[in-house]
Amino acid sequence: MLQATTRPSPSTLSSHPAQPPARRSLAGPGNRVARPGQARHPDSAQRPGQAGTPGKDRPRYRGVGLILILTAAFMVVLDFSIVNVALPSIQRELHFPAAAVEWVVTGYAIAFGGLLILGGRAADLFGRRRLFVTGLLLFSAASLAGGLAQEPVLLVAARLVQGAGAAVVAPAALSLITTGFPEGPQRTRALGLYGATSSLGFVAGQVLGGFLVQYTSWRAVFLVNVPVGAAAAALAPYLLGRAGKAPVRRRLDVGGALLITGAVAAVVFAMSQGNALGWASPAVAIALALAIASAAGFLVVEARHSDPLIRIGLLRRPGLRRGYSLILLLGIWSGGEMLVLSLYFQQGPHGSPLVAGLALAPPGVVGFTAGMFGARLAAKLGLRRLLVLTNLVATIGFLVLTRLPATGTYSPLLAAVTFVGFGTAGTAFGALVSASRGMADQDQGLVGGVINTSRQIGAAIGAALLPAIAIAASHGDGAASAQGDRAAMLAGAVAGGLATVVAWRTRIPAGPSRPGRNSPGR
């Protein structure tokens, strides 16, 4: 009798082979592994079907909700590049010192990069939709303050707050997608659209920024965010429904949050100011020392905390490790390439911010197309082959760019920058899919924070490294020449080659991880 009541009959097993074990492992009274909020096995792999579906294989919100998320992501990415072309006008009108105007960009980068991981984990703990709306309101209010600023200090302060708002919006938006669509084709398509939107937004910032500065005012590059952000914040509660609610409420690790924020902010500051202040300057040296000390302290605190901000074993998960490694290398080549080529295309008698923006537009269009069709390519080639292909294409593009002509002629380099654009967008898409695959819903905000932080750190390194290489290889009076620009593009090719090796040497599972598999804590 005991055997009959505890073990299903063969006929039951043959007609319903998977349901009874699934019920016992996920919802049965004897389950002690997958209980929400339990920290006993924090790094165990996610169970199949746990990643963002409420029981039916369809999104938790309709396409209009996805459009809203993509609009917010577009606005945040747009702001990365739209302000760069306005810096000369800002300097003239607000009487910025030449050495201080860079803080309009640096202040935003420090706040954004430093707070991304905290913003992602806060979205997991306190609700993704709630943090998404809060970040949009903060970003929009800071954009309004920046557009109306009459003093340099007020503009830099507004940019700091704007970066903080973006650091909340970016990981919340990504986690809304990864938790709102079940793992598989639907999520892959949604992430492809996310990558396509990001590619288009970055290049659109170059073009739109040049247009607004040339035909209106630099203030328009800030004010354009206000109506978009306010409208998105107002519509989010109605269009996103319950997709943004956090499944688990836990106490925020304040000590770990302060340490990781300080470490990332110090790295971004050192990388962004190294060329201007000198790499041996006391400010840069102190920043690097502070970053190392904060990172070491963070590891100690997280190892001892009962509910850490980041479970260190989570960072060793193969998919997430591959994702942030590729995104870091991508940030290095894309952050440096955009800066070097933007200056290159503004040289000569016909150069201008608008011309530079239009010259860099084709890679964005190709990147948008790569994101749109990324899901189909991944289905045909497999994610690993797709990542190898996209990184290899980007590397080839950089190798062609090592032949930059001194005259500034664009042809035949259109194909080269287009290759880089395709490789960048395809790599970003594949890395996002790899990082989010098999991760529990309660960690998707953190995944978004880690991925965005990796790209921000990589972009800071690239924006410092590639121009420094260009200047050093020019053998001139501190300005980059075509010879130096070629050397910088060779450095981009090295980063692309390293990413190709990373993609080639890693094995990517075809679907969600099985219970306990690839668990770094085991």
Protein backbone atom coordinates (compact mmCIF):
# COMPACT_ATOMS: atom_id res chain seq x y z
CA MET A 1 0.00 0.00 0.00
CA LEU A 2 2.78 2.40 0.87
CA GLN A 3 4.42 1.82 -2.48
CA ALA A 4 1.19 2.32 -4.37
CA THR A 5 0.39 5.62 -2.69
CA THR A 6 3.81 7.20 -3.11
CA ARG A 7 4.78 6.02 -6.56
CA PRO A 8 2.68 6.54 -9.73
CA SER A 9 1.66 3.55 -11.80
CA PRO A 10 3.32 2.82 -15.16
CA SER A 11 0.17 3.91 -17.00
CA THR A 12 0.26 7.25 -15.26
CA LEU A 13 3.91 7.73 -16.13
CA SER A 14 3.33 6.93 -19.77
CA SER A 15 0.41 9.30 -20.21
CA HIS A 16 1.83 12.21 -18.16
CA PRO A 17 5.56 11.68 -17.97
CA ALA A 18 6.69 15.15 -16.87
CA GLN A 19 3.93 16.70 -14.77
CA PRO A 20 4.12 14.86 -11.42
CA PRO A 21 7.89 15.40 -10.92
CA ALA A 22 7.56 19.05 -11.97
CA ARG A 23 4.81 19.64 -9.41
CA ARG A 24 6.75 18.00 -6.61
CA SER A 25 9.97 19.89 -7.41
CA LEU A 26 8.41 23.35 -7.83
CA ALA A 27 5.27 23.49 -5.75
CA GLY A 28 5.13 20.37 -3.63
CA PRO A 29 5.09 20.51 0.13
CA GLY A 30 8.43 18.75 0.35
CA ASN A 31 10.28 21.27 -1.77
CA ARG A 32 13.16 22.83 0.14
CA VAL A 33 15.27 24.06 -2.76
CA ALA A 34 13.19 26.45 -4.85
CA ARG A 35 11.32 28.26 -2.06
CA PRO A 36 11.15 32.02 -2.87
CA GLY A 37 13.61 34.13 -0.97
CA GLN A 38 15.51 31.17 0.48
CA ALA A 39 19.23 31.87 0.61
CA ARG A 40 20.38 28.35 1.30
CA HIS A 41 21.33 27.61 -2.30
CA PRO A 42 21.54 31.07 -3.83
CA ASP A 43 23.55 30.15 -6.89
CA SER A 44 21.67 27.11 -8.07
CA ALA A 45 20.66 27.19 -11.69
CA GLN A 46 17.16 28.15 -12.65
CA ARG A 47 14.52 25.54 -13.23
CA PRO A 48 13.07 25.20 -16.70
CA GLY A 49 10.03 27.39 -17.11
CA GLN A 50 10.92 29.64 -14.20
CA ALA A 51 12.15 32.49 -16.33
CA GLY A 52 9.25 34.76 -16.79
CA THR A 53 6.10 32.96 -17.82
CA PRO A 54 2.97 32.93 -15.70
CA GLY A 55 1.85 29.53 -16.90
CA LYS A 56 1.20 30.19 -20.57
CA ASP A 57 3.89 30.55 -23.20
CA ARG A 58 3.21 34.20 -23.99
CA PRO A 59 4.35 37.65 -22.76
CA ARG A 60 2.92 39.13 -19.60
CA TYR A 61 2.14 42.33 -21.47
CA ARG A 62 1.34 43.05 -25.09
CA GLY A 63 3.52 44.57 -27.78
CA VAL A 64 2.61 48.12 -26.79
CA GLY A 65 4.27 47.53 -23.42
CA LEU A 66 7.44 46.40 -25.18
CA ILE A 67 7.31 49.53 -27.35
CA LEU A 68 7.18 51.63 -24.21
CA ILE A 69 10.23 49.88 -22.73
CA LEU A 70 12.15 50.23 -25.99
CA THR A 71 11.27 53.93 -26.17
CA ALA A 72 12.73 54.50 -22.71
CA ALA A 73 15.85 52.50 -23.60
CA PHE A 74 16.21 54.51 -26.82
CA MET A 75 16.05 57.77 -24.86
CA VAL A 76 18.73 56.66 -22.39
CA VAL A 77 21.10 55.45 -25.12
CA LEU A 78 20.42 58.58 -27.18
CA ASP A 79 21.66 60.72 -24.31
CA PHE A 80 25.07 59.05 -24.40
CA SER A 81 25.97 60.59 -27.74
CA ILE A 82 23.62 63.55 -28.21
CA VAL A 83 25.41 65.72 -25.64
CA ASN A 84 28.92 65.17 -27.04
CA VAL A 85 28.34 67.32 -30.13
CA ALA A 86 26.90 70.13 -27.98
CA LEU A 87 29.99 70.58 -25.78
CA PRO A 88 31.60 73.44 -27.81
CA SER A 89 28.35 75.43 -27.76
CA ILE A 90 27.86 74.74 -24.03
CA GLN A 91 31.40 75.93 -23.33
CA ARG A 92 30.90 79.19 -25.21
CA GLU A 93 27.48 80.12 -23.79
CA LEU A 94 28.02 79.15 -20.15
CA HIS A 95 31.69 80.26 -20.13
CA PHE A 96 32.95 76.85 -19.06
CA PRO A 97 36.71 76.61 -18.49
CA ALA A 98 38.25 74.45 -21.21
CA ALA A 99 39.38 71.84 -18.69
CA ALA A 100 35.99 71.71 -16.95
CA VAL A 101 33.52 71.32 -19.83
CA GLU A 102 34.28 67.59 -20.02
CA TRP A 103 32.50 67.21 -16.67
CA VAL A 104 29.23 67.58 -18.53
CA VAL A 105 30.00 64.13 -19.93
CA THR A 106 32.16 62.77 -17.12
CA GLY A 107 29.64 63.58 -14.37
CA TYR A 108 26.93 61.67 -16.21
CA ALA A 109 29.25 58.72 -16.86
CA ILE A 110 30.34 58.47 -13.21
CA ALA A 111 26.78 58.56 -11.83
CA PHE A 112 25.47 56.18 -14.48
CA GLY A 113 28.29 53.65 -14.26
CA GLY A 114 28.53 53.76 -10.49
CA LEU A 115 24.85 53.21 -9.76
CA LEU A 116 23.93 50.60 -12.39
CA ILE A 117 24.38 47.51 -10.21
CA LEU A 118 22.55 49.15 -7.31
CA GLY A 119 19.75 50.18 -9.66
CA GLY A 120 19.46 46.66 -11.06
CA ARG A 121 19.30 44.99 -7.66
CA ALA A 122 16.86 47.61 -6.36
CA ALA A 123 14.57 46.74 -9.27
CA ASP A 124 14.69 43.07 -8.22
CA LEU A 125 13.88 43.91 -4.60
CA PHE A 126 11.39 46.77 -4.80
CA GLY A 127 9.63 46.22 -8.12
CA ARG A 128 10.84 46.65 -11.70
CA ARG A 129 7.92 48.74 -12.90
CA ARG A 130 8.15 50.98 -9.83
CA LEU A 131 11.87 51.60 -10.33
CA PHE A 132 11.34 52.01 -14.08
CA VAL A 133 8.85 54.83 -13.49
CA THR A 134 10.97 56.41 -10.74
CA GLY A 135 14.04 56.43 -12.97
CA LEU A 136 12.11 57.98 -15.86
CA LEU A 137 10.78 60.78 -13.66
CA LEU A 138 14.23 61.46 -12.23
CA PHE A 139 15.81 61.42 -15.69
CA SER A 140 13.15 63.76 -17.14
CA ALA A 141 13.36 66.24 -14.25
CA ALA A 142 17.16 66.36 -14.52
CA SER A 143 16.91 66.85 -18.30
CA LEU A 144 14.61 69.83 -17.73
CA ALA A 145 17.01 71.28 -15.16
CA GLY A 146 19.94 70.79 -17.55
CA GLY A 147 18.12 72.49 -20.41
CA LEU A 148 17.32 75.51 -18.22
CA ALA A 149 20.69 75.73 -16.45
CA GLN A 150 22.37 79.14 -16.47
CA GLU A 151 25.51 78.20 -14.55
CA PRO A 152 28.14 75.51 -15.17
CA VAL A 153 27.75 74.06 -11.69
CA LEU A 154 23.99 73.67 -12.12
CA LEU A 155 24.44 71.90 -15.47
CA VAL A 156 26.99 69.44 -14.04
CA ALA A 157 24.71 68.77 -11.05
CA ALA A 158 21.80 68.12 -13.40
CA ARG A 159 23.93 65.70 -15.38
CA LEU A 160 24.83 63.81 -12.20
CA VAL A 161 21.14 63.39 -11.36
CA GLN A 162 20.38 62.49 -14.97
CA GLY A 163 22.99 59.75 -14.85
CA ALA A 164 21.46 58.41 -11.63
CA GLY A 165 18.04 58.27 -13.27
CA ALA A 166 19.46 56.48 -16.30
CA ALA A 167 21.18 53.97 -13.98
CA VAL A 168 17.76 53.03 -12.64
CA VAL A 169 15.96 52.95 -16.00
CA ALA A 170 18.49 50.88 -17.97
CA PRO A 171 18.61 47.68 -15.84
CA ALA A 172 14.91 47.93 -15.00
CA ALA A 173 14.01 48.12 -18.70
CA LEU A 174 16.18 45.12 -19.56
CA SER A 175 14.80 43.05 -16.68
CA LEU A 176 11.22 43.95 -17.64
CA ILE A 177 11.93 42.31 -20.99
CA THR A 178 13.69 39.22 -19.63
CA THR A 179 10.99 38.60 -17.01
CA GLY A 180 8.06 39.61 -19.19
CA PHE A 181 8.86 37.16 -21.99
CA PRO A 182 9.46 33.44 -21.45
CA GLU A 183 12.91 32.11 -22.22
CA GLY A 184 13.07 31.00 -25.82
CA PRO A 185 12.08 32.53 -29.17
CA GLN A 186 9.85 35.25 -27.68
CA ARG A 187 12.52 36.58 -25.35
CA THR A 188 15.18 36.28 -28.06
CA ARG A 189 13.07 38.37 -30.44
CA ALA A 190 12.41 40.95 -27.73
CA LEU A 191 16.13 41.20 -26.90
CA GLY A 192 16.86 41.57 -30.62
CA LEU A 193 14.52 44.55 -30.75
CA TYR A 194 16.18 45.93 -27.61
CA GLY A 195 19.62 45.67 -29.24
CA ALA A 196 18.34 47.17 -32.49
CA THR A 197 16.84 50.12 -30.61
CA SER A 198 20.07 50.70 -28.69
CA SER A 199 22.15 50.70 -31.89
CA LEU A 200 19.82 53.15 -33.57
CA GLY A 201 19.66 55.37 -30.49
CA PHE A 202 23.41 55.77 -30.16
CA VAL A 203 23.90 56.85 -33.76
CA ALA A 204 20.68 58.88 -33.79
CA GLY A 205 22.19 60.90 -30.94
CA GLN A 206 25.11 61.89 -33.17
CA VAL A 207 22.82 62.99 -36.02
CA LEU A 208 20.07 64.56 -33.92
CA GLY A 209 22.58 66.30 -31.66
CA GLY A 210 24.36 67.84 -34.63
CA PHE A 211 21.03 68.98 -36.13
CA LEU A 212 19.71 70.50 -32.90
CA VAL A 213 22.94 72.32 -32.08
CA GLN A 214 23.35 73.64 -35.61
CA TYR A 215 19.76 74.82 -36.16
CA THR A 216 18.34 75.46 -32.65
CA SER A 217 20.34 75.51 -29.41
CA TRP A 218 22.38 73.19 -27.25
CA ARG A 219 19.56 73.34 -24.69
CA ALA A 220 17.37 71.33 -27.03
CA VAL A 221 19.55 68.22 -26.56
CA PHE A 222 18.36 68.14 -22.94
CA LEU A 223 14.79 69.39 -23.35
CA VAL A 224 13.98 66.79 -26.01
CA ASN A 225 14.00 64.13 -23.27
CA VAL A 226 11.36 65.80 -21.09
CA PRO A 227 8.12 65.05 -22.97
CA VAL A 228 9.26 61.55 -23.95
CA GLY A 229 10.28 60.59 -20.41
CA ALA A 230 7.19 62.10 -18.79
CA ALA A 231 4.85 60.36 -21.23
CA ALA A 232 6.58 57.01 -20.74
CA ALA A 233 6.37 57.34 -16.95
CA ALA A 234 2.66 58.18 -17.13
CA LEU A 235 1.84 55.24 -19.43
CA ALA A 236 3.97 52.60 -17.71
CA PRO A 237 1.48 51.67 -14.93
CA TYR A 238 -1.22 51.04 -17.52
CA LEU A 239 0.82 49.25 -20.18
CA LEU A 240 3.18 47.13 -18.08
CA GLY A 241 0.63 45.82 -15.59
CA ARG A 242 2.09 43.44 -13.07
CA ALA A 243 5.23 42.60 -15.09
CA GLY A 244 7.36 44.91 -12.98
CA LYS A 245 6.56 43.44 -9.55
CA ALA A 246 9.38 41.85 -7.69
CA PRO A 247 8.70 38.24 -6.66
CA VAL A 248 10.69 38.52 -3.43
CA ARG A 249 11.15 41.30 -0.88
CA ARG A 250 14.51 41.35 0.87
CA ARG A 251 16.66 43.85 2.72
CA LEU A 252 19.01 45.89 0.56
CA ASP A 253 22.71 45.37 1.24
CA VAL A 254 23.62 49.02 1.88
CA GLY A 255 27.29 48.38 2.66
CA GLY A 256 27.85 46.36 -0.49
CA ALA A 257 25.93 48.94 -2.54
CA LEU A 258 28.15 51.79 -1.30
CA LEU A 259 31.35 49.84 -1.94
CA ILE A 260 30.51 48.69 -5.48
CA THR A 261 29.18 52.13 -6.38
CA GLY A 262 32.39 53.74 -5.16
CA ALA A 263 34.56 51.19 -6.98
CA VAL A 264 32.85 51.58 -10.36
CA ALA A 265 32.59 55.37 -10.06
CA ALA A 266 36.32 55.60 -9.24
CA VAL A 267 37.23 53.44 -12.25
CA VAL A 268 35.09 55.55 -14.59
CA PHE A 269 36.60 58.76 -13.19
CA ALA A 270 40.17 57.49 -13.58
CA MET A 271 39.59 56.28 -17.13
CA SER A 272 37.80 59.44 -18.24
CA GLN A 273 40.30 61.85 -16.68
CA GLY A 274 43.54 59.95 -17.27
CA ASN A 275 44.37 61.66 -20.56
CA ALA A 276 43.41 65.13 -19.33
CA LEU A 277 45.09 65.05 -15.91
CA GLY A 278 47.87 62.59 -16.69
CA TRP A 279 47.95 58.97 -15.68
CA ALA A 280 50.55 59.68 -13.00
CA SER A 281 48.60 62.58 -11.49
CA PRO A 282 47.58 62.29 -7.81
CA ALA A 283 43.84 62.46 -8.61
CA VAL A 284 43.98 59.52 -11.02
CA ALA A 285 46.27 57.50 -8.75
CA ILE A 286 43.98 58.06 -5.75
CA ALA A 287 40.94 57.11 -7.80
CA LEU A 288 42.53 53.85 -8.95
CA ALA A 289 43.64 53.02 -5.39
CA LEU A 290 40.14 53.78 -4.12
CA ALA A 291 38.65 51.53 -6.79
CA ILE A 292 40.91 48.62 -5.83
CA ALA A 293 40.27 49.07 -2.11
CA SER A 294 36.50 49.38 -2.60
CA ALA A 295 36.38 46.29 -4.83
CA ALA A 296 38.36 44.26 -2.29
CA GLY A 297 36.12 45.46 0.53
CA PHE A 298 33.06 44.61 -1.53
CA LEU A 299 34.21 41.02 -2.00
CA VAL A 300 34.79 40.65 1.75
CA VAL A 301 31.41 42.14 2.66
CA GLU A 302 29.49 40.08 0.12
CA ALA A 303 31.14 36.84 1.27
CA ARG A 304 29.97 37.45 4.85
CA HIS A 305 26.57 39.04 4.26
CA SER A 306 23.49 36.85 4.73
CA ASP A 307 21.66 38.52 1.83
CA PRO A 308 24.37 40.10 -0.37
CA LEU A 309 23.85 42.63 -3.13
CA ILE A 310 25.60 40.28 -5.56
CA ARG A 311 26.09 36.60 -4.88
CA ILE A 312 29.66 36.18 -6.07
CA GLY A 313 28.93 32.69 -7.33
CA LEU A 314 26.33 34.19 -9.64
CA LEU A 315 29.07 36.05 -11.52
CA ARG A 316 30.75 32.70 -12.23
CA ARG A 317 27.72 31.34 -14.05
CA PRO A 318 29.00 30.55 -17.58
CA GLY A 319 26.29 32.47 -19.44
CA LEU A 320 26.60 35.64 -17.37
CA ARG A 321 30.41 35.46 -17.33
CA ARG A 322 30.48 35.15 -21.11
CA GLY A 323 27.97 37.96 -21.48
CA TYR A 324 29.76 40.57 -19.39
CA SER A 325 33.17 39.61 -20.83
CA LEU A 326 31.96 40.18 -24.39
CA ILE A 327 30.13 43.38 -23.44
CA LEU A 328 33.26 44.74 -21.74
CA LEU A 329 35.35 44.19 -24.89
CA LEU A 330 32.54 45.59 -27.04
CA GLY A 331 32.46 48.71 -24.86
CA ILE A 332 36.20 49.19 -25.34
CA TRP A 333 36.07 49.15 -29.11
CA SER A 334 32.76 51.02 -29.54
CA GLY A 335 33.50 53.75 -26.98
CA GLY A 336 36.91 54.48 -28.49
CA GLU A 337 35.86 54.08 -32.12
CA MET A 338 33.01 56.60 -31.93
CA LEU A 339 35.22 59.22 -30.31
CA VAL A 340 38.18 58.80 -32.66
CA LEU A 341 36.10 58.62 -35.85
CA SER A 342 33.91 61.54 -34.80
CA LEU A 343 37.00 63.74 -34.52
CA TYR A 344 38.43 62.27 -37.73
CA PHE A 345 35.35 63.13 -39.81
CA GLN A 346 35.25 66.69 -38.42
CA GLN A 347 38.72 67.41 -39.80
CA GLY A 348 39.10 69.21 -43.10
CA PRO A 349 37.26 72.15 -44.70
CA HIS A 350 33.88 70.40 -44.89
CA GLY A 351 33.89 68.90 -41.43
CA SER A 352 31.18 69.71 -38.87
CA PRO A 353 29.32 67.95 -36.05
CA LEU A 354 26.41 67.25 -38.40
CA VAL A 355 28.72 65.84 -41.10
CA ALA A 356 30.40 63.63 -38.53
CA GLY A 357 27.02 62.41 -37.29
CA LEU A 358 25.80 61.62 -40.81
CA ALA A 359 29.07 59.82 -41.62
CA LEU A 360 28.52 57.53 -38.62
CA ALA A 361 24.82 56.93 -39.37
CA PRO A 362 25.20 53.86 -41.68
CA PRO A 363 26.67 51.65 -38.92
CA GLY A 364 23.66 52.47 -36.76
CA VAL A 365 21.24 51.52 -39.51
CA VAL A 366 23.07 48.26 -40.11
CA GLY A 367 23.19 47.64 -36.37
CA PHE A 368 19.44 48.19 -36.18
CA THR A 369 18.95 45.63 -38.95
CA ALA A 370 21.25 43.16 -37.19
CA GLY A 371 19.19 43.48 -34.03
CA MET A 372 15.91 43.07 -35.91
CA PHE A 373 17.04 39.83 -37.52
CA GLY A 374 19.27 38.64 -34.68
CA ALA A 375 16.74 36.10 -33.45
CA ARG A 376 16.53 34.49 -36.91
CA LEU A 377 20.30 34.36 -37.25
CA ALA A 378 20.63 32.81 -33.79
CA ALA A 379 18.03 30.19 -34.68
CA LYS A 380 19.85 29.24 -37.89
CA LEU A 381 23.48 29.48 -36.76
CA GLY A 382 23.25 28.90 -33.04
CA LEU A 383 24.23 31.52 -30.49
CA ARG A 384 27.90 30.52 -30.32
CA ARG A 385 28.42 30.67 -34.08
CA LEU A 386 26.53 33.95 -34.25
CA LEU A 387 28.81 35.51 -31.63
CA VAL A 388 31.92 34.25 -33.41
CA LEU A 389 30.62 35.66 -36.71
CA THR A 390 29.69 39.09 -35.37
CA ASN A 391 32.95 39.58 -33.49
CA LEU A 392 34.95 38.42 -36.51
CA VAL A 393 33.07 40.87 -38.78
CA ALA A 394 33.80 43.72 -36.35
CA THR A 395 37.48 42.76 -36.28
CA ILE A 396 37.66 42.77 -40.09
CA GLY A 397 36.02 46.20 -40.13
CA PHE A 398 38.63 47.58 -37.76
CA LEU A 399 41.44 46.10 -39.85
CA VAL A 400 40.09 47.95 -42.90
CA LEU A 401 39.93 51.14 -40.82
CA THR A 402 43.67 50.85 -40.19
CA ARG A 403 43.98 52.22 -43.75
CA LEU A 404 42.29 55.53 -42.95
CA PRO A 405 43.33 58.15 -45.55
CA ALA A 406 44.82 61.44 -44.36
CA THR A 407 42.41 63.48 -46.50
CA GLY A 408 39.29 62.43 -44.60
CA THR A 409 37.70 60.83 -47.66
CA TYR A 410 34.89 58.53 -46.54
CA SER A 411 34.85 56.04 -49.41
CA PRO A 412 35.81 53.14 -49.42
CA LEU A 413 35.60 53.11 -45.63
CA LEU A 414 31.81 52.98 -45.58
CA ALA A 415 31.95 49.18 -45.70
CA ALA A 416 34.43 49.13 -42.82
CA VAL A 417 32.34 51.19 -40.40
CA THR A 418 29.30 49.21 -41.52
CA PHE A 419 31.07 45.96 -40.62
CA VAL A 420 31.88 47.36 -37.20
CA GLY A 421 28.28 48.44 -36.72
CA PHE A 422 26.96 45.00 -37.62
CA GLY A 423 29.47 43.29 -35.36
CA THR A 424 28.72 45.60 -32.44
CA ALA A 425 24.96 45.17 -32.61
CA GLY A 426 25.12 41.41 -33.16
CA THR A 427 27.56 40.93 -30.28
CA ALA A 428 25.44 43.04 -27.93
CA PHE A 429 22.35 41.00 -28.81
CA GLY A 430 24.10 37.64 -28.38
CA ALA A 431 25.69 38.68 -25.08
CA LEU A 432 22.30 39.75 -23.68
CA VAL A 433 20.72 36.43 -24.63
CA SER A 434 23.63 34.50 -23.14
CA ALA A 435 23.64 36.49 -19.88
CA SER A 436 19.89 36.21 -19.22
CA ARG A 437 19.53 32.55 -20.24
CA GLY A 438 18.77 30.24 -17.33
CA MET A 439 18.71 33.04 -14.74
CA ALA A 440 15.91 33.29 -12.18
CA ASP A 441 13.44 36.15 -12.45
CA GLN A 442 14.56 37.51 -9.09
CA ASP A 443 18.08 38.06 -10.48
CA GLN A 444 17.25 39.56 -13.88
CA GLY A 445 17.54 43.14 -12.64
CA LEU A 446 21.00 42.37 -11.32
CA VAL A 447 21.90 40.79 -14.68
CA GLY A 448 20.86 44.01 -16.41
CA GLY A 449 22.96 46.04 -13.98
CA VAL A 450 26.05 43.86 -14.46
CA ILE A 451 25.76 43.92 -18.27
CA ASN A 452 25.26 47.68 -18.44
CA THR A 453 28.06 48.29 -15.93
CA SER A 454 30.44 46.16 -17.98
CA ARG A 455 29.65 48.14 -21.11
CA GLN A 456 30.03 51.45 -19.28
CA ILE A 457 33.42 50.47 -17.84
CA GLY A 458 34.52 49.19 -21.24
CA ALA A 459 33.40 52.42 -22.91
CA ALA A 460 35.31 54.48 -20.34
CA ILE A 461 38.44 52.41 -20.97
CA GLY A 462 38.03 52.65 -24.74
CA ALA A 463 37.34 56.39 -24.68
CA ALA A 464 40.57 56.87 -22.75
CA LEU A 465 42.73 54.21 -24.42
CA LEU A 466 42.06 54.65 -28.14
CA PRO A 467 42.48 58.47 -28.24
CA ALA A 468 45.64 58.12 -26.11
CA ILE A 469 47.01 55.61 -28.62
CA ALA A 470 46.08 57.95 -31.47
CA ILE A 471 47.92 60.88 -29.89
CA ALA A 472 50.96 58.80 -28.91
CA ALA A 473 51.28 57.32 -32.41
CA SER A 474 50.96 60.73 -34.09
CA HIS A 475 54.33 62.01 -32.78
CA GLY A 476 52.89 65.49 -32.98
CA ASP A 477 52.00 68.37 -30.66
CA GLY A 478 49.27 66.61 -28.71
CA ALA A 479 46.75 66.26 -31.55
CA ALA A 480 45.92 63.04 -33.33
CA SER A 481 46.81 62.59 -37.00
CA ALA A 482 45.65 60.03 -39.54
CA GLN A 483 48.60 57.87 -38.56
CA GLY A 484 47.51 57.94 -34.95
CA ASP A 485 43.89 57.21 -35.88
CA ARG A 486 45.07 54.11 -37.76
CA ALA A 487 46.88 52.90 -34.64
CA ALA A 488 43.72 53.45 -32.60
CA MET A 489 41.72 51.37 -35.07
CA LEU A 490 44.31 48.60 -34.75
CA ALA A 491 43.67 48.62 -30.99
CA GLY A 492 39.97 48.23 -31.77
CA ALA A 493 40.81 45.24 -33.96
CA VAL A 494 42.71 43.67 -31.04
CA ALA A 495 39.65 44.06 -28.80
CA GLY A 496 37.45 42.49 -31.50
CA GLY A 497 39.90 39.62 -31.93
CA LEU A 498 39.90 38.92 -28.19
CA ALA A 499 36.11 38.89 -28.21
CA THR A 500 36.16 36.42 -31.10
CA VAL A 501 38.39 34.11 -29.08
CA VAL A 502 36.08 34.39 -26.04
CA ALA A 503 33.07 33.51 -28.19
CA TRP A 504 34.89 30.61 -29.88
CA ARG A 505 36.24 29.01 -26.72
CA THR A 506 32.96 28.95 -24.81
CA ARG A 507 30.18 26.42 -25.14
CA ILE A 508 26.64 27.76 -25.00
CA PRO A 509 23.82 25.45 -23.89
CA ALA A 510 20.80 25.28 -26.16
CA GLY A 511 18.23 26.06 -23.48
CA PRO A 512 17.62 26.74 -19.83
CA SER A 513 19.89 25.13 -17.26
CA ARG A 514 18.67 22.10 -15.40
CA PRO A 515 18.24 22.21 -11.64
CA GLY A 516 21.61 22.43 -9.97
CA ARG A 517 23.54 22.28 -13.23
CA ASN A 518 26.45 24.66 -13.72
CA SER A 519 25.88 25.91 -10.23
CA PRO A 520 29.04 27.63 -9.09
CA GLY A 521 28.26 26.98 -5.50
CA ARG A 522 28.52 23.25 -5.98
